[in-house]
Protein backbone atom coordinates (compact mmCIF):
# COMPACT_ATOMS: atom_id res chain seq x y z
CA MET A 1 0.21 0.40 0.34
CA LYS A 2 1.40 3.38 -0.76
CA PRO A 3 2.06 5.88 1.79
CA ASP A 4 -0.79 8.00 -0.40
CA ASP A 5 -3.32 5.22 0.24
CA LYS A 6 -2.69 5.33 3.58
CA ALA A 7 -3.27 9.37 3.85
CA VAL A 8 -6.52 8.83 1.91
CA ASN A 9 -7.76 5.51 4.04
CA GLN A 10 -7.06 7.59 7.27
CA LYS A 11 -8.59 10.83 6.28
CA LEU A 12 -11.73 8.65 5.39
CA ASP A 13 -12.31 6.86 8.10
CA GLU A 14 -12.09 10.34 9.70
CA LEU A 15 -14.92 11.46 7.90
CA ILE A 16 -16.97 8.24 8.29
CA ALA A 17 -16.25 9.42 11.97
CA LEU A 18 -17.34 12.28 11.85
CA LEU A 19 -20.44 11.79 9.73
CA ALA A 20 -21.22 8.92 12.25
CA ASP A 21 -21.52 11.69 15.20
CA ASN A 22 -23.67 14.07 13.28
CA HIS A 23 -26.90 13.84 11.89
CA ILE A 24 -26.98 14.17 7.94
CA ASP A 25 -30.29 14.90 6.27
CA SER A 26 -30.81 14.14 2.77
CA GLU A 27 -30.04 17.56 1.86
CA LYS A 28 -26.18 17.58 3.12
CA ALA A 29 -25.77 13.85 2.06
CA ARG A 30 -26.68 14.44 -1.58
CA GLY A 31 -24.41 17.58 -1.14
CA LEU A 32 -21.52 15.23 0.42
CA ARG A 33 -22.50 13.04 -2.26
CA GLN A 34 -21.55 15.61 -5.16
CA ARG A 35 -18.52 17.09 -3.56
CA ILE A 36 -17.19 13.60 -3.36
CA SER A 37 -17.66 12.65 -6.74
CA LYS A 38 -16.15 15.79 -8.40
CA ALA A 39 -12.96 15.59 -6.16
CA ILE A 40 -12.91 11.76 -7.75
CA GLU A 41 -13.30 12.60 -10.94
CA ALA A 42 -10.80 15.33 -10.41
CA SER A 43 -7.77 13.30 -9.44
CA SER A 44 -8.87 10.77 -12.30
CA THR A 45 -8.61 13.00 -15.05
CA GLU A 46 -5.48 15.21 -13.59
CA GLU A 47 -3.07 12.37 -15.28
CA GLU A 48 -4.80 13.03 -18.70
CA GLU A 49 -3.99 16.55 -18.24
CA LYS A 50 -0.25 15.69 -17.39
CA ILE A 51 -0.09 14.12 -20.93
CA ASP A 52 -1.57 16.28 -22.56
CA ALA A 53 0.87 19.02 -21.76
CA PHE A 54 3.85 17.21 -23.36
CA ARG A 55 1.81 16.38 -26.19
CA SER A 56 1.89 20.51 -27.13
CA LEU A 57 5.31 20.24 -27.55
CA ASP A 58 4.68 17.96 -30.14
CA THR A 59 2.92 21.10 -32.77
CA SER A 60 5.22 23.73 -31.65
CA ASN A 61 7.91 24.70 -34.58
CA ALA A 62 10.76 25.83 -32.09
CA SER A 63 14.31 25.27 -31.87
CA ARG A 64 15.65 22.08 -30.26
CA LEU A 65 16.99 24.36 -27.31
CA GLU A 66 13.75 25.87 -26.63
CA LEU A 67 11.58 22.26 -27.03
CA LEU A 68 14.35 21.05 -24.63
CA ASP A 69 14.46 23.69 -22.23
CA GLU A 70 10.03 23.63 -22.35
CA PHE A 71 10.79 19.96 -22.07
CA SER A 72 12.49 20.07 -18.70
CA ILE A 73 9.78 22.83 -17.46
CA LEU A 74 7.43 20.04 -17.68
CA LEU A 75 9.24 17.26 -16.62
CA SER A 76 9.77 19.51 -13.33
CA SER A 77 5.88 20.91 -13.06
CA ASN A 78 4.32 17.69 -13.73
CA GLN A 79 5.19 14.23 -12.28
CA ILE A 80 4.57 11.61 -14.48
CA ASP A 81 5.98 8.28 -13.49
CA SER A 82 5.77 4.67 -15.14
CA ASN A 83 2.52 3.80 -14.34
CA THR A 84 1.04 6.53 -15.53
CA SER A 85 2.43 5.89 -18.50
CA LYS A 86 1.68 2.41 -18.74
CA LYS A 87 -2.03 3.31 -17.60
CA TYR A 88 -2.41 5.57 -20.55
CA ILE A 89 -0.62 3.12 -23.46
CA ALA A 90 -3.28 0.40 -22.11
CA THR A 91 -6.18 2.71 -22.14
CA HIS A 92 -5.24 3.97 -25.69
CA SER A 93 -4.04 0.48 -27.33
CA THR A 94 -7.30 -1.29 -26.16
CA ASN A 95 -9.56 1.49 -27.86
CA VAL A 96 -7.31 0.49 -31.23
CA LEU A 97 -7.65 -2.77 -30.39
CA VAL A 98 -11.53 -2.30 -29.87
CA ILE A 99 -11.44 -0.23 -33.51
CA ILE A 100 -9.30 -2.98 -35.10
CA ILE A 101 -11.72 -5.79 -33.81
CA GLY A 102 -14.69 -3.87 -34.66
CA ILE A 103 -13.85 -3.20 -38.26
CA VAL A 104 -12.79 -7.40 -38.73
CA MET A 105 -16.06 -8.19 -37.56
CA ILE A 106 -17.83 -5.85 -40.32
CA THR A 107 -15.82 -7.02 -42.68
CA LEU A 108 -16.39 -10.63 -41.99
CA GLY A 109 -19.88 -10.10 -41.58
CA PHE A 110 -20.06 -8.63 -45.19
CA ALA A 111 -18.21 -11.25 -46.43
CA MET A 112 -20.24 -13.80 -45.11
CA ILE A 113 -23.78 -12.29 -46.49
CA ILE A 114 -21.86 -11.63 -49.99
CA MET A 115 -20.12 -14.79 -50.94
CA PRO A 116 -22.13 -17.84 -51.49
CA ALA A 117 -22.22 -20.16 -48.54
CA PRO A 118 -22.26 -23.95 -49.17
CA PRO A 119 -25.53 -25.64 -49.19
CA ASP A 120 -24.71 -27.35 -45.61
CA PHE A 121 -24.62 -23.73 -44.23
CA GLU A 122 -27.82 -23.04 -45.73
CA ILE A 123 -29.98 -23.64 -42.60
CA TYR A 124 -33.41 -22.30 -43.22
CA THR A 125 -34.04 -20.07 -45.63
CA VAL A 126 -36.61 -17.25 -43.77
CA PHE A 127 -37.80 -15.21 -47.29
CA TYR A 128 -37.55 -16.00 -50.76
CA PHE A 129 -36.59 -13.68 -53.24
CA ASN A 130 -37.29 -16.31 -56.12
CA GLN A 131 -37.47 -19.69 -56.12
CA ASN A 132 -33.12 -20.26 -55.81
CA ASP A 133 -32.81 -17.07 -53.70
CA GLY A 134 -34.10 -15.92 -50.18
CA VAL A 135 -33.13 -14.84 -46.62
CA THR A 136 -31.41 -17.06 -44.62
CA ILE A 137 -30.74 -17.56 -40.94
CA MET A 138 -26.65 -17.79 -42.17
CA ASP A 139 -27.68 -14.41 -43.34
CA LEU A 140 -29.11 -13.35 -40.25
CA ILE A 141 -26.51 -14.22 -37.95
CA SER A 142 -24.15 -12.01 -40.62
CA LEU A 143 -25.85 -9.30 -40.11
CA LEU A 144 -25.76 -9.74 -36.26
CA ILE A 145 -22.04 -10.20 -36.51
CA VAL A 146 -22.08 -6.85 -38.93
CA LEU A 147 -24.48 -4.68 -36.09
CA ALA A 148 -21.84 -6.01 -33.29
CA GLY A 149 -18.75 -4.72 -35.25
CA ILE A 150 -20.81 -1.21 -35.67
CA TYR A 151 -21.64 -1.25 -32.39
CA LEU A 152 -17.95 -1.75 -30.98
CA LEU A 153 -16.40 0.53 -33.42
CA ILE A 154 -18.62 3.57 -32.40
CA LYS A 155 -18.40 2.65 -28.95
CA SER A 156 -14.35 2.72 -29.21
CA VAL A 157 -14.43 6.01 -32.06
CA TYR A 158 -16.81 7.76 -29.19
CA LYS A 159 -14.78 6.94 -26.43
CA ARG A 160 -11.60 8.17 -28.40
CA SER A 161 -12.61 11.18 -29.51
CA ALA A 162 -14.33 11.97 -25.81
CA GLY A 163 -10.70 11.44 -24.30
CA ILE A 164 -11.53 8.65 -22.20
């Protein structure tokens, strides 16, 4: 357990003891809950803000000496350790992986619909276009695969654009 975790747990125990001693109505409880939620959200977005500060170095067209000065200032003002960078890389790499999986599922689903399937896989025809062609159970399963791929793609792209 880190020293920060011990301090947080100690303060949390103190807060619980204070709350147990005082009578709190629902309005006060709602206000306390909102303040605690805001504090937790602020602490979790702090890591993203630290990394975003370093991202601004990529866009500047300064000389190497100026970039080095800015980089040293950023390093001294933002305490980033390997755990923060690992969390950032893991979060963004999983988003990229989900995007790739979504694209593969969409492609696979459309390929299953377009390409002719052997008669063994033509389980049951739900709707006939003509005597030899129609919508089969295999086509419906393929459509579900396409929709699942679209869902994964939209969800991961939305997370990526929202910066979550």
